[in-house]
Amino acid sequence: MMKYSGVLVDARSSINTFIEATMIRRIDELILRIKELESELSLELENELSAIQQQFRYKIERGKIRFQEGALATHKALQENLYHYFCDSNFMFVLTSPFIYSLVIPLLLLDLFLTLYQIICFPVYKIKKVDRNEYVAIDRQHLAYLNIIEKTNCMYCGYANGLLSYALEIGSKTEEFWCPIKHAKKTKDPHSRYQSFLEYGDAEGYKKKISAFRKTQ
């Protein structure tokens, strides 16, 4: 009887191993497909951007945005003057604006410390530095249909959101190096590296693969 019990245990173990391997292989296939779709999407977005530039009559030359004369004239005619802008504004929006802009101080500090962190730590870990210019884009101030307040707001939003995306990329590279382990609970909208992390509780996998994660940086 003991012999048959041992056989059953081995059989269950083999079945569980097979199921786990099948699930992991399926997940890897889905991740690969997602990356292929992301590449296709990137190409389509580039084509769409080219069509948009033609539609709205502007082009980018040596990093500078240039509108055609006709487009600039149309934009300037649509700009709302400051008097009407403030008259039409919600008073509560105006009242809350100092709180929004007070965040510029921690954002600037975050920017500074992210830069120092990359300069000091990434060479030690042999992690490729993140190009800040790929994430922080401040270009909406060139739109002539925006008044000075709208341009300032758009510049601030571009900086803040770009900086946070830049921080997320640096953070994800750091997490991949030091702790490439998924959480026990499902998290909403994780960063792009998260799906390749090791499963929660996979002690053997962690010990075997942690060095490989650090070498791929």
N, C-alpha and C. Protein backbone atom coordinates (compact mmCIF):
# COMPACT_ATOMS: atom_id res chain seq x y z
N MET A 1 0.83 -1.21 0.00
CA MET A 1 0.00 0.00 0.00
C MET A 1 0.86 1.26 0.00
N MET A 2 1.95 1.21 0.81
CA MET A 2 2.86 2.34 0.88
C MET A 2 3.50 2.61 -0.47
N LYS A 3 3.76 1.54 -1.21
CA LYS A 3 4.38 1.67 -2.52
C LYS A 3 3.47 2.42 -3.48
N TYR A 4 2.18 2.06 -3.47
CA TYR A 4 1.22 2.71 -4.36
C TYR A 4 1.02 4.18 -3.97
N SER A 5 1.06 4.45 -2.67
CA SER A 5 0.94 5.84 -2.20
C SER A 5 2.08 6.68 -2.72
N GLY A 6 3.29 6.10 -2.70
CA GLY A 6 4.45 6.83 -3.21
C GLY A 6 4.33 7.10 -4.70
N VAL A 7 3.80 6.11 -5.43
CA VAL A 7 3.61 6.29 -6.88
C VAL A 7 2.62 7.41 -7.15
N LEU A 8 1.53 7.46 -6.35
CA LEU A 8 0.51 8.49 -6.53
C LEU A 8 1.09 9.88 -6.25
N VAL A 9 1.90 9.96 -5.21
CA VAL A 9 2.52 11.24 -4.88
C VAL A 9 3.43 11.70 -6.02
N ASP A 10 4.23 10.77 -6.54
CA ASP A 10 5.13 11.11 -7.65
C ASP A 10 4.34 11.53 -8.88
N ALA A 11 3.23 10.84 -9.12
CA ALA A 11 2.40 11.16 -10.29
C ALA A 11 1.80 12.56 -10.15
N ARG A 12 1.28 12.86 -8.97
CA ARG A 12 0.70 14.18 -8.73
C ARG A 12 1.76 15.27 -8.88
N SER A 13 2.96 14.98 -8.35
CA SER A 13 4.05 15.94 -8.45
C SER A 13 4.42 16.21 -9.91
N SER A 14 4.45 15.12 -10.71
CA SER A 14 4.79 15.25 -12.13
C SER A 14 3.71 16.04 -12.87
N ILE A 15 2.44 15.77 -12.54
CA ILE A 15 1.33 16.49 -13.18
C ILE A 15 1.39 17.97 -12.83
N ASN A 16 1.64 18.27 -11.55
CA ASN A 16 1.73 19.67 -11.12
C ASN A 16 2.89 20.39 -11.81
N THR A 17 4.02 19.68 -11.92
CA THR A 17 5.18 20.26 -12.60
C THR A 17 4.87 20.55 -14.06
N PHE A 18 4.16 19.60 -14.71
CA PHE A 18 3.79 19.76 -16.12
C PHE A 18 2.85 20.95 -16.31
N ILE A 19 1.85 21.04 -15.41
CA ILE A 19 0.88 22.14 -15.50
C ILE A 19 1.58 23.48 -15.30
N GLU A 20 2.47 23.52 -14.31
CA GLU A 20 3.20 24.76 -14.01
C GLU A 20 4.07 25.18 -15.20
N ALA A 21 4.76 24.18 -15.79
CA ALA A 21 5.63 24.47 -16.94
C ALA A 21 4.80 24.95 -18.13
N THR A 22 3.63 24.35 -18.33
CA THR A 22 2.75 24.75 -19.43
C THR A 22 2.25 26.17 -19.24
N MET A 23 1.88 26.50 -18.00
CA MET A 23 1.40 27.85 -17.71
C MET A 23 2.50 28.88 -17.92
N ILE A 24 3.70 28.56 -17.46
CA ILE A 24 4.83 29.49 -17.62
C ILE A 24 5.15 29.69 -19.09
N ARG A 25 5.12 28.59 -19.87
CA ARG A 25 5.40 28.68 -21.30
C ARG A 25 4.35 29.53 -22.00
N ARG A 26 3.09 29.36 -21.60
CA ARG A 26 2.00 30.14 -22.19
C ARG A 26 2.15 31.62 -21.86
N ILE A 27 2.52 31.92 -20.61
CA ILE A 27 2.73 33.31 -20.20
C ILE A 27 3.89 33.93 -20.98
N ASP A 28 4.98 33.15 -21.15
CA ASP A 28 6.12 33.64 -21.93
C ASP A 28 5.73 33.95 -23.36
N GLU A 29 4.89 33.07 -23.93
CA GLU A 29 4.42 33.30 -25.30
C GLU A 29 3.58 34.56 -25.40
N LEU A 30 2.73 34.77 -24.40
CA LEU A 30 1.89 35.98 -24.39
C LEU A 30 2.74 37.25 -24.23
N ILE A 31 3.76 37.18 -23.37
CA ILE A 31 4.65 38.32 -23.18
C ILE A 31 5.38 38.65 -24.48
N LEU A 32 5.85 37.61 -25.17
CA LEU A 32 6.53 37.80 -26.45
C LEU A 32 5.59 38.43 -27.47
N ARG A 33 4.36 37.95 -27.49
CA ARG A 33 3.37 38.50 -28.43
C ARG A 33 3.06 39.96 -28.11
N ILE A 34 2.98 40.27 -26.81
CA ILE A 34 2.73 41.65 -26.40
C ILE A 34 3.86 42.56 -26.87
N LYS A 35 5.11 42.09 -26.75
CA LYS A 35 6.25 42.88 -27.20
C LYS A 35 6.21 43.09 -28.71
N GLU A 36 5.79 42.04 -29.44
CA GLU A 36 5.67 42.18 -30.90
C GLU A 36 4.59 43.20 -31.26
N LEU A 37 3.47 43.14 -30.53
CA LEU A 37 2.39 44.10 -30.77
C LEU A 37 2.81 45.51 -30.42
N GLU A 38 3.62 45.65 -29.36
CA GLU A 38 4.12 46.97 -28.98
C GLU A 38 5.00 47.55 -30.09
N SER A 39 5.81 46.70 -30.72
CA SER A 39 6.66 47.16 -31.82
C SER A 39 5.80 47.59 -33.01
N GLU A 40 4.77 46.79 -33.31
CA GLU A 40 3.86 47.14 -34.40
C GLU A 40 3.13 48.45 -34.10
N LEU A 41 2.70 48.60 -32.85
CA LEU A 41 2.00 49.82 -32.44
C LEU A 41 2.92 51.03 -32.56
N SER A 42 4.17 50.87 -32.16
CA SER A 42 5.13 51.97 -32.26
C SER A 42 5.30 52.43 -33.70
N LEU A 43 5.38 51.46 -34.62
CA LEU A 43 5.51 51.79 -36.04
C LEU A 43 4.27 52.50 -36.56
N GLU A 44 3.09 52.02 -36.16
CA GLU A 44 1.84 52.65 -36.59
C GLU A 44 1.72 54.07 -36.04
N LEU A 45 2.16 54.27 -34.81
CA LEU A 45 2.10 55.60 -34.20
C LEU A 45 3.03 56.57 -34.92
N GLU A 46 4.19 56.08 -35.35
CA GLU A 46 5.11 56.92 -36.12
C GLU A 46 4.49 57.33 -37.44
N ASN A 47 3.82 56.39 -38.11
CA ASN A 47 3.16 56.71 -39.37
C ASN A 47 2.02 57.70 -39.14
N GLU A 48 1.29 57.49 -38.04
CA GLU A 48 0.19 58.40 -37.72
C GLU A 48 0.71 59.79 -37.41
N LEU A 49 1.83 59.87 -36.70
CA LEU A 49 2.41 61.16 -36.35
C LEU A 49 2.80 61.92 -37.61
N SER A 50 3.36 61.21 -38.58
CA SER A 50 3.72 61.86 -39.85
C SER A 50 2.49 62.44 -40.54
N ALA A 51 1.39 61.69 -40.51
CA ALA A 51 0.14 62.17 -41.13
C ALA A 51 -0.41 63.37 -40.36
N ILE A 52 -0.30 63.34 -39.03
CA ILE A 52 -0.78 64.44 -38.20
C ILE A 52 0.02 65.71 -38.48
N GLN A 53 1.33 65.57 -38.65
CA GLN A 53 2.17 66.73 -38.95
C GLN A 53 1.76 67.39 -40.26
N GLN A 54 1.42 66.57 -41.23
CA GLN A 54 0.96 67.12 -42.51
C GLN A 54 -0.40 67.79 -42.35
N GLN A 55 -1.28 67.16 -41.59
CA GLN A 55 -2.63 67.70 -41.40
C GLN A 55 -2.62 69.07 -40.71
N PHE A 56 -1.79 69.19 -39.67
CA PHE A 56 -1.76 70.43 -38.91
C PHE A 56 -0.58 71.33 -39.28
N ARG A 57 0.07 71.00 -40.37
CA ARG A 57 1.06 71.86 -41.04
C ARG A 57 2.23 72.26 -40.14
N TYR A 58 2.89 71.27 -39.60
CA TYR A 58 4.13 71.54 -38.88
C TYR A 58 5.11 70.40 -39.11
N LYS A 59 6.37 70.66 -38.85
CA LYS A 59 7.40 69.63 -38.96
C LYS A 59 8.47 69.89 -37.91
N ILE A 60 9.24 68.86 -37.64
CA ILE A 60 10.30 68.96 -36.65
C ILE A 60 11.64 68.89 -37.36
N GLU A 61 12.42 69.96 -37.24
CA GLU A 61 13.74 70.03 -37.88
C GLU A 61 14.80 70.26 -36.82
N ARG A 62 15.73 69.32 -36.70
CA ARG A 62 16.82 69.41 -35.73
C ARG A 62 16.30 69.67 -34.31
N GLY A 63 15.21 68.99 -33.98
CA GLY A 63 14.64 69.10 -32.65
C GLY A 63 13.75 70.31 -32.44
N LYS A 64 13.60 71.16 -33.44
CA LYS A 64 12.76 72.35 -33.33
C LYS A 64 11.47 72.18 -34.12
N ILE A 65 10.37 72.64 -33.53
CA ILE A 65 9.06 72.52 -34.17
C ILE A 65 8.79 73.78 -34.99
N ARG A 66 8.43 73.59 -36.25
CA ARG A 66 8.18 74.73 -37.14
C ARG A 66 6.81 74.58 -37.79
N PHE A 67 5.96 75.60 -37.59
CA PHE A 67 4.65 75.64 -38.22
C PHE A 67 4.73 76.47 -39.50
N GLN A 68 3.90 76.13 -40.45
CA GLN A 68 3.79 76.94 -41.66
C GLN A 68 3.13 78.27 -41.30
N GLU A 69 3.40 79.29 -42.11
CA GLU A 69 2.90 80.64 -41.82
C GLU A 69 1.37 80.67 -41.69
N GLY A 70 0.68 79.99 -42.57
CA GLY A 70 -0.78 79.97 -42.52
C GLY A 70 -1.30 79.37 -41.24
N ALA A 71 -0.65 78.32 -40.76
CA ALA A 71 -1.06 77.68 -39.52
C ALA A 71 -0.82 78.59 -38.33
N LEU A 72 0.30 79.30 -38.31
CA LEU A 72 0.61 80.22 -37.21
C LEU A 72 -0.43 81.34 -37.12
N ALA A 73 -0.82 81.87 -38.27
CA ALA A 73 -1.81 82.95 -38.28
C ALA A 73 -3.14 82.48 -37.72
N THR A 74 -3.54 81.27 -38.08
CA THR A 74 -4.79 80.69 -37.57
C THR A 74 -4.72 80.49 -36.07
N HIS A 75 -3.57 80.00 -35.59
CA HIS A 75 -3.39 79.76 -34.16
C HIS A 75 -3.47 81.06 -33.36
N LYS A 76 -2.79 82.10 -33.83
CA LYS A 76 -2.78 83.38 -33.12
C LYS A 76 -4.18 83.98 -33.06
N ALA A 77 -4.96 83.77 -34.11
CA ALA A 77 -6.32 84.31 -34.13
C ALA A 77 -7.22 83.62 -33.11
N LEU A 78 -6.87 82.38 -32.74
CA LEU A 78 -7.69 81.61 -31.81
C LEU A 78 -7.24 81.75 -30.35
N GLN A 79 -6.17 82.48 -30.13
CA GLN A 79 -5.67 82.64 -28.76
C GLN A 79 -6.62 83.52 -27.95
N GLU A 80 -6.97 83.07 -26.75
CA GLU A 80 -7.86 83.82 -25.86
C GLU A 80 -7.05 84.78 -25.00
N ASN A 81 -7.45 86.05 -24.97
CA ASN A 81 -6.68 87.01 -24.17
C ASN A 81 -6.89 86.74 -22.68
N LEU A 82 -5.98 87.28 -21.87
CA LEU A 82 -5.96 86.96 -20.45
C LEU A 82 -7.21 87.45 -19.72
N TYR A 83 -7.74 88.61 -20.14
CA TYR A 83 -8.92 89.15 -19.47
C TYR A 83 -10.09 88.18 -19.59
N HIS A 84 -10.39 87.74 -20.83
CA HIS A 84 -11.49 86.80 -21.02
C HIS A 84 -11.18 85.44 -20.40
N TYR A 85 -9.92 85.07 -20.42
CA TYR A 85 -9.53 83.78 -19.84
C TYR A 85 -9.86 83.73 -18.35
N PHE A 86 -9.48 84.80 -17.62
CA PHE A 86 -9.74 84.82 -16.18
C PHE A 86 -11.22 85.02 -15.87
N CYS A 87 -11.90 85.77 -16.71
CA CYS A 87 -13.34 85.97 -16.51
C CYS A 87 -14.11 84.66 -16.67
N ASP A 88 -13.65 83.83 -17.59
CA ASP A 88 -14.34 82.57 -17.87
C ASP A 88 -13.88 81.42 -16.96
N SER A 89 -12.83 81.66 -16.18
CA SER A 89 -12.27 80.59 -15.35
C SER A 89 -13.13 80.35 -14.11
N ASN A 90 -13.17 79.09 -13.71
CA ASN A 90 -13.82 78.72 -12.45
C ASN A 90 -12.97 79.24 -11.28
N PHE A 91 -13.61 79.96 -10.38
CA PHE A 91 -12.87 80.57 -9.28
C PHE A 91 -12.13 79.53 -8.44
N MET A 92 -12.72 78.36 -8.26
CA MET A 92 -12.09 77.30 -7.47
C MET A 92 -10.83 76.78 -8.16
N PHE A 93 -10.85 76.80 -9.51
CA PHE A 93 -9.66 76.39 -10.25
C PHE A 93 -8.50 77.34 -9.93
N VAL A 94 -8.81 78.63 -9.93
CA VAL A 94 -7.79 79.64 -9.63
C VAL A 94 -7.29 79.49 -8.20
N LEU A 95 -8.22 79.20 -7.29
CA LEU A 95 -7.89 79.09 -5.88
C LEU A 95 -6.96 77.90 -5.59
N THR A 96 -7.14 76.84 -6.34
CA THR A 96 -6.34 75.63 -6.10
C THR A 96 -4.99 75.64 -6.82
N SER A 97 -4.80 76.59 -7.73
CA SER A 97 -3.56 76.60 -8.53
C SER A 97 -2.28 76.71 -7.69
N PRO A 98 -2.26 77.49 -6.58
CA PRO A 98 -1.02 77.50 -5.78
C PRO A 98 -0.64 76.14 -5.22
N PHE A 99 -1.64 75.32 -4.90
CA PHE A 99 -1.35 73.99 -4.37
C PHE A 99 -0.76 73.09 -5.46
N ILE A 100 -1.27 73.25 -6.67
CA ILE A 100 -0.72 72.47 -7.79
C ILE A 100 0.75 72.84 -8.01
N TYR A 101 1.02 74.14 -8.07
CA TYR A 101 2.37 74.59 -8.38
C TYR A 101 3.34 74.43 -7.21
N SER A 102 2.82 74.24 -6.00
CA SER A 102 3.71 74.00 -4.86
C SER A 102 4.47 72.69 -5.02
N LEU A 103 3.95 71.79 -5.85
CA LEU A 103 4.61 70.50 -6.08
C LEU A 103 5.88 70.64 -6.91
N VAL A 104 6.10 71.82 -7.49
CA VAL A 104 7.30 71.99 -8.31
C VAL A 104 8.57 71.80 -7.48
N ILE A 105 8.51 72.13 -6.20
CA ILE A 105 9.70 71.99 -5.34
C ILE A 105 10.08 70.51 -5.15
N PRO A 106 9.16 69.65 -4.69
CA PRO A 106 9.54 68.22 -4.59
C PRO A 106 9.86 67.59 -5.96
N LEU A 107 9.22 68.08 -7.02
CA LEU A 107 9.53 67.54 -8.35
C LEU A 107 10.96 67.88 -8.77
N LEU A 108 11.37 69.11 -8.51
CA LEU A 108 12.75 69.51 -8.84
C LEU A 108 13.75 68.72 -8.01
N LEU A 109 13.43 68.50 -6.74
CA LEU A 109 14.30 67.71 -5.89
C LEU A 109 14.38 66.26 -6.38
N LEU A 110 13.22 65.72 -6.78
CA LEU A 110 13.19 64.36 -7.33
C LEU A 110 14.06 64.28 -8.57
N ASP A 111 13.94 65.26 -9.45
CA ASP A 111 14.73 65.32 -10.67
C ASP A 111 16.22 65.30 -10.34
N LEU A 112 16.61 66.13 -9.39
CA LEU A 112 18.01 66.22 -8.99
C LEU A 112 18.52 64.89 -8.44
N PHE A 113 17.75 64.29 -7.53
CA PHE A 113 18.22 63.07 -6.89
C PHE A 113 18.19 61.87 -7.84
N LEU A 114 17.27 61.87 -8.78
CA LEU A 114 17.27 60.81 -9.80
C LEU A 114 18.54 60.88 -10.64
N THR A 115 18.92 62.10 -11.01
CA THR A 115 20.13 62.29 -11.80
C THR A 115 21.36 61.85 -11.03
N LEU A 116 21.45 62.26 -9.76
CA LEU A 116 22.59 61.86 -8.92
C LEU A 116 22.61 60.35 -8.71
N TYR A 117 21.43 59.77 -8.50
CA TYR A 117 21.34 58.32 -8.29
C TYR A 117 21.88 57.57 -9.50
N GLN A 118 21.47 58.00 -10.69
CA GLN A 118 21.96 57.32 -11.91
C GLN A 118 23.47 57.47 -12.06
N ILE A 119 23.95 58.68 -11.84
CA ILE A 119 25.38 58.95 -12.02
C ILE A 119 26.23 58.13 -11.04
N ILE A 120 25.76 58.02 -9.80
CA ILE A 120 26.55 57.35 -8.76
C ILE A 120 26.37 55.83 -8.78
N CYS A 121 25.11 55.37 -8.88
CA CYS A 121 24.82 53.95 -8.66
C CYS A 121 24.80 53.09 -9.92
N PHE A 122 24.23 53.58 -11.00
CA PHE A 122 24.07 52.73 -12.18
C PHE A 122 25.40 52.21 -12.74
N PRO A 123 26.46 53.01 -12.76
CA PRO A 123 27.74 52.44 -13.23
C PRO A 123 28.24 51.31 -12.33
N VAL A 124 27.97 51.41 -11.03
CA VAL A 124 28.38 50.35 -10.10
C VAL A 124 27.61 49.06 -10.39
N TYR A 125 26.30 49.20 -10.64
CA TYR A 125 25.45 48.04 -10.93
C TYR A 125 25.56 47.58 -12.38
N LYS A 126 26.26 48.37 -13.19
CA LYS A 126 26.38 48.12 -14.64
C LYS A 126 25.02 48.13 -15.32
N ILE A 127 24.18 49.08 -14.90
CA ILE A 127 22.87 49.28 -15.51
C ILE A 127 22.96 50.45 -16.48
N LYS A 128 22.41 50.28 -17.66
CA LYS A 128 22.43 51.35 -18.64
C LYS A 128 21.58 52.52 -18.16
N LYS A 129 22.12 53.73 -18.24
CA LYS A 129 21.41 54.91 -17.76
C LYS A 129 20.17 55.18 -18.62
N VAL A 130 19.15 55.74 -17.98
CA VAL A 130 17.91 56.12 -18.67
C VAL A 130 18.10 57.52 -19.24
N ASP A 131 17.75 57.68 -20.52
CA ASP A 131 17.86 58.98 -21.17
C ASP A 131 16.67 59.84 -20.78
N ARG A 132 16.92 60.88 -20.00
CA ARG A 132 15.86 61.75 -19.49
C ARG A 132 15.08 62.40 -20.63
N ASN A 133 15.76 62.73 -21.72
CA ASN A 133 15.11 63.42 -22.85
C ASN A 133 14.05 62.57 -23.54
N GLU A 134 14.13 61.26 -23.35
CA GLU A 134 13.14 60.38 -23.96
C GLU A 134 11.82 60.38 -23.19
N TYR A 135 11.82 60.95 -22.00
CA TYR A 135 10.63 60.93 -21.15
C TYR A 135 10.08 62.33 -20.84
N VAL A 136 10.96 63.28 -20.68
CA VAL A 136 10.52 64.65 -20.35
C VAL A 136 10.46 65.47 -21.63
N ALA A 137 9.24 65.80 -22.05
CA ALA A 137 9.03 66.60 -23.26
C ALA A 137 8.30 67.89 -22.90
N ILE A 138 8.94 69.01 -23.18
CA ILE A 138 8.34 70.32 -22.92
C ILE A 138 8.32 71.08 -24.25
N ASP A 139 7.18 71.02 -24.94
CA ASP A 139 7.12 71.63 -26.27
C ASP A 139 5.80 72.35 -26.57
N ARG A 140 4.84 72.29 -25.64
CA ARG A 140 3.53 72.86 -25.92
C ARG A 140 3.53 74.39 -25.87
N GLN A 141 4.60 74.96 -25.32
CA GLN A 141 4.69 76.42 -25.28
C GLN A 141 4.86 77.03 -26.67
N HIS A 142 5.13 76.19 -27.67
CA HIS A 142 5.27 76.68 -29.05
C HIS A 142 3.93 76.83 -29.76
N LEU A 143 2.85 76.42 -29.11
CA LEU A 143 1.52 76.51 -29.72
C LEU A 143 0.97 77.92 -29.55
N ALA A 144 0.80 78.61 -30.67
CA ALA A 144 0.41 80.03 -30.63
C ALA A 144 -1.03 80.25 -30.20
N TYR A 145 -1.86 79.20 -30.20
CA TYR A 145 -3.25 79.38 -29.77
C TYR A 145 -3.41 79.29 -28.26
N LEU A 146 -2.32 79.07 -27.55
CA LEU A 146 -2.34 79.07 -26.09
C LEU A 146 -1.85 80.42 -25.58
N ASN A 147 -2.52 80.97 -24.56
CA ASN A 147 -2.02 82.20 -23.96
C ASN A 147 -0.93 81.86 -22.95
N ILE A 148 -0.35 82.86 -22.31
CA ILE A 148 0.79 82.64 -21.44
C ILE A 148 0.45 81.74 -20.25
N ILE A 149 -0.76 81.84 -19.72
CA ILE A 149 -1.17 80.99 -18.59
C ILE A 149 -1.29 79.54 -19.05
N GLU A 150 -1.94 79.33 -20.19
CA GLU A 150 -2.10 77.97 -20.72
C GLU A 150 -0.75 77.36 -21.08
N LYS A 151 0.15 78.16 -21.62
CA LYS A 151 1.48 77.65 -21.95
C LYS A 151 2.23 77.23 -20.69
N THR A 152 2.12 78.05 -19.65
CA THR A 152 2.79 77.72 -18.39
C THR A 152 2.22 76.44 -17.79
N ASN A 153 0.89 76.32 -17.81
CA ASN A 153 0.25 75.10 -17.29
C ASN A 153 0.72 73.87 -18.07
N CYS A 154 0.76 73.98 -19.38
CA CYS A 154 1.14 72.84 -20.22
C CYS A 154 2.61 72.47 -20.04
N MET A 155 3.46 73.48 -19.87
CA MET A 155 4.87 73.20 -19.62
C MET A 155 5.05 72.45 -18.29
N TYR A 156 4.30 72.89 -17.29
CA TYR A 156 4.38 72.26 -15.96
C TYR A 156 3.88 70.82 -16.02
N CYS A 157 2.75 70.60 -16.69
CA CYS A 157 2.20 69.24 -16.81
C CYS A 157 3.15 68.33 -17.58
N GLY A 158 3.73 68.86 -18.66
CA GLY A 158 4.67 68.07 -19.45
C GLY A 158 5.88 67.67 -18.64
N TYR A 159 6.38 68.63 -17.84
CA TYR A 159 7.55 68.34 -17.00
C TYR A 159 7.21 67.33 -15.91
N ALA A 160 6.11 67.57 -15.20
CA ALA A 160 5.75 66.71 -14.07
C ALA A 160 5.49 65.27 -14.51
N ASN A 161 4.66 65.10 -15.51
CA ASN A 161 4.32 63.74 -15.96
C ASN A 161 5.49 63.05 -16.64
N GLY A 162 6.28 63.81 -17.39
CA GLY A 162 7.47 63.23 -18.01
C GLY A 162 8.47 62.79 -16.96
N LEU A 163 8.63 63.62 -15.92
CA LEU A 163 9.56 63.28 -14.84
C LEU A 163 9.13 62.01 -14.12
N LEU A 164 7.83 61.86 -13.88
CA LEU A 164 7.34 60.67 -13.19
C LEU A 164 7.53 59.42 -14.05
N SER A 165 7.36 59.55 -15.37
CA SER A 165 7.63 58.42 -16.27
C SER A 165 9.11 58.06 -16.25
N TYR A 166 9.96 59.08 -16.22
CA TYR A 166 11.41 58.91 -16.13
C TYR A 166 11.77 58.20 -14.82
N ALA A 167 11.13 58.61 -13.72
CA ALA A 167 11.36 57.99 -12.42
C ALA A 167 10.91 56.53 -12.42
N LEU A 168 9.78 56.25 -13.07
CA LEU A 168 9.28 54.88 -13.14
C LEU A 168 10.25 53.97 -13.87
N GLU A 169 10.84 54.47 -14.96
CA GLU A 169 11.80 53.67 -15.71
C GLU A 169 13.05 53.38 -14.88
N ILE A 170 13.54 54.39 -14.17
CA ILE A 170 14.70 54.19 -13.31
C ILE A 170 14.35 53.21 -12.18
N GLY A 171 13.17 53.39 -11.61
CA GLY A 171 12.74 52.50 -10.53
C GLY A 171 12.58 51.06 -10.99
N SER A 172 12.05 50.87 -12.20
CA SER A 172 11.85 49.51 -12.71
C SER A 172 13.17 48.82 -12.98
N LYS A 173 14.16 49.57 -13.48
CA LYS A 173 15.49 49.00 -13.70
C LYS A 173 16.13 48.61 -12.37
N THR A 174 15.93 49.44 -11.36
CA THR A 174 16.47 49.15 -10.04
C THR A 174 15.81 47.92 -9.43
N GLU A 175 14.49 47.86 -9.56
CA GLU A 175 13.76 46.71 -9.02
C GLU A 175 14.16 45.42 -9.73
N GLU A 176 14.35 45.49 -11.03
CA GLU A 176 14.77 44.31 -11.79
C GLU A 176 16.13 43.81 -11.33
N PHE A 177 16.99 44.73 -10.94
CA PHE A 177 18.33 44.36 -10.48
C PHE A 177 18.31 43.76 -9.08
N TRP A 178 17.58 44.41 -8.15
CA TRP A 178 17.63 44.03 -6.75
C TRP A 178 16.54 43.06 -6.31
N CYS A 179 15.36 43.16 -6.88
CA CYS A 179 14.26 42.31 -6.40
C CYS A 179 13.27 41.98 -7.51
N PRO A 180 13.69 41.17 -8.49
CA PRO A 180 12.80 40.82 -9.61
C PRO A 180 11.79 39.74 -9.23
N ILE A 181 10.94 40.05 -8.27
CA ILE A 181 9.94 39.10 -7.77
C ILE A 181 8.56 39.74 -7.86
N LYS A 182 7.60 39.00 -8.39
CA LYS A 182 6.24 39.52 -8.46
C LYS A 182 5.62 39.57 -7.06
N HIS A 183 4.61 40.40 -6.91
CA HIS A 183 3.89 40.48 -5.65
C HIS A 183 2.88 39.33 -5.54
N ALA A 184 2.50 39.00 -4.32
CA ALA A 184 1.50 37.95 -4.11
C ALA A 184 0.14 38.40 -4.63
N LYS A 185 -0.14 39.71 -4.48
CA LYS A 185 -1.40 40.26 -4.97
C LYS A 185 -1.21 40.90 -6.34
N LYS A 186 -2.24 40.85 -7.13
CA LYS A 186 -2.20 41.47 -8.45
C LYS A 186 -2.15 42.98 -8.32
N THR A 187 -1.24 43.61 -9.03
CA THR A 187 -1.12 45.06 -9.00
C THR A 187 -1.63 45.65 -10.31
N LYS A 188 -2.15 46.85 -10.23
CA LYS A 188 -2.73 47.49 -11.40
C LYS A 188 -1.66 48.17 -12.24
N ASP A 189 -1.66 47.88 -13.53
CA ASP A 189 -0.80 48.53 -14.52
C ASP A 189 0.67 48.55 -14.08
N PRO A 190 1.29 47.39 -13.89
CA PRO A 190 2.71 47.35 -13.49
C PRO A 190 3.61 47.80 -14.64
N HIS A 191 4.86 48.10 -14.32
CA HIS A 191 5.80 48.56 -15.35
C HIS A 191 6.13 47.43 -16.32
N SER A 192 6.80 47.79 -17.42
CA SER A 192 7.00 46.86 -18.53
C SER A 192 7.88 45.66 -18.17
N ARG A 193 8.71 45.75 -17.16
CA ARG A 193 9.61 44.65 -16.80
C ARG A 193 8.96 43.64 -15.85
N TYR A 194 7.86 44.04 -15.26
CA TYR A 194 7.27 43.26 -14.16
C TYR A 194 6.90 41.84 -14.57
N GLN A 195 6.34 41.65 -15.77
CA GLN A 195 5.84 40.33 -16.17
C GLN A 195 6.95 39.30 -16.31
N SER A 196 8.19 39.75 -16.48
CA SER A 196 9.30 38.80 -16.59
C SER A 196 9.91 38.47 -15.23
N PHE A 197 9.38 39.06 -14.17
CA PHE A 197 9.90 38.80 -12.82
C PHE A 197 9.57 37.37 -12.38
N LEU A 198 10.25 36.92 -11.35
CA LEU A 198 10.04 35.58 -10.80
C LEU A 198 8.75 35.55 -9.99
N GLU A 199 8.18 34.36 -9.90
CA GLU A 199 6.92 34.21 -9.18
C GLU A 199 7.14 34.35 -7.67
N TYR A 200 6.14 34.86 -7.01
CA TYR A 200 6.15 35.01 -5.55
C TYR A 200 6.23 33.62 -4.91
N GLY A 201 7.22 33.40 -4.07
CA GLY A 201 7.36 32.11 -3.40
C GLY A 201 8.29 31.15 -4.10
N ASP A 202 8.79 31.51 -5.29
CA ASP A 202 9.69 30.62 -6.04
C ASP A 202 11.11 30.78 -5.53
N ALA A 203 11.39 30.14 -4.41
CA ALA A 203 12.70 30.27 -3.76
C ALA A 203 13.83 29.72 -4.62
N GLU A 204 13.60 28.54 -5.21
CA GLU A 204 14.64 27.93 -6.03
C GLU A 204 14.92 28.76 -7.28
N GLY A 205 13.85 29.26 -7.89
CA GLY A 205 14.01 30.09 -9.08
C GLY A 205 14.79 31.36 -8.76
N TYR A 206 14.52 31.93 -7.59
CA TYR A 206 15.22 33.16 -7.20
C TYR A 206 16.72 32.89 -7.06
N LYS A 207 17.06 31.81 -6.38
CA LYS A 207 18.46 31.51 -6.16
C LYS A 207 19.19 31.19 -7.48
N LYS A 208 18.47 30.56 -8.40
CA LYS A 208 19.09 30.16 -9.66
C LYS A 208 19.19 31.31 -10.67
N LYS A 209 18.20 32.23 -10.63
CA LYS A 209 18.09 33.20 -11.72
C LYS A 209 18.43 34.64 -11.36
N ILE A 210 18.64 34.95 -10.09
CA ILE A 210 18.91 36.32 -9.70
C ILE A 210 20.16 36.88 -10.39
N SER A 211 21.17 36.03 -10.53
CA SER A 211 22.40 36.49 -11.19
C SER A 211 22.15 36.80 -12.66
N ALA A 212 21.29 36.01 -13.30
CA ALA A 212 20.97 36.24 -14.71
C ALA A 212 20.26 37.57 -14.90
N PHE A 213 19.38 37.93 -13.98
CA PHE A 213 18.68 39.20 -14.05
C PHE A 213 19.68 40.36 -14.01
N ARG A 214 20.67 40.23 -13.16
CA ARG A 214 21.64 41.31 -13.00
C ARG A 214 22.62 41.39 -14.16
N LYS A 215 22.82 40.28 -14.85
CA LYS A 215 23.69 40.31 -16.01
C LYS A 215 23.02 40.90 -17.24
N THR A 216 21.66 40.84 -17.29
CA THR A 216 20.94 41.35 -18.47
C THR A 216 20.79 42.86 -18.46
N GLN A 217 21.23 43.51 -17.39
CA GLN A 217 21.09 44.96 -17.29
C GLN A 217 22.01 45.65 -18.30
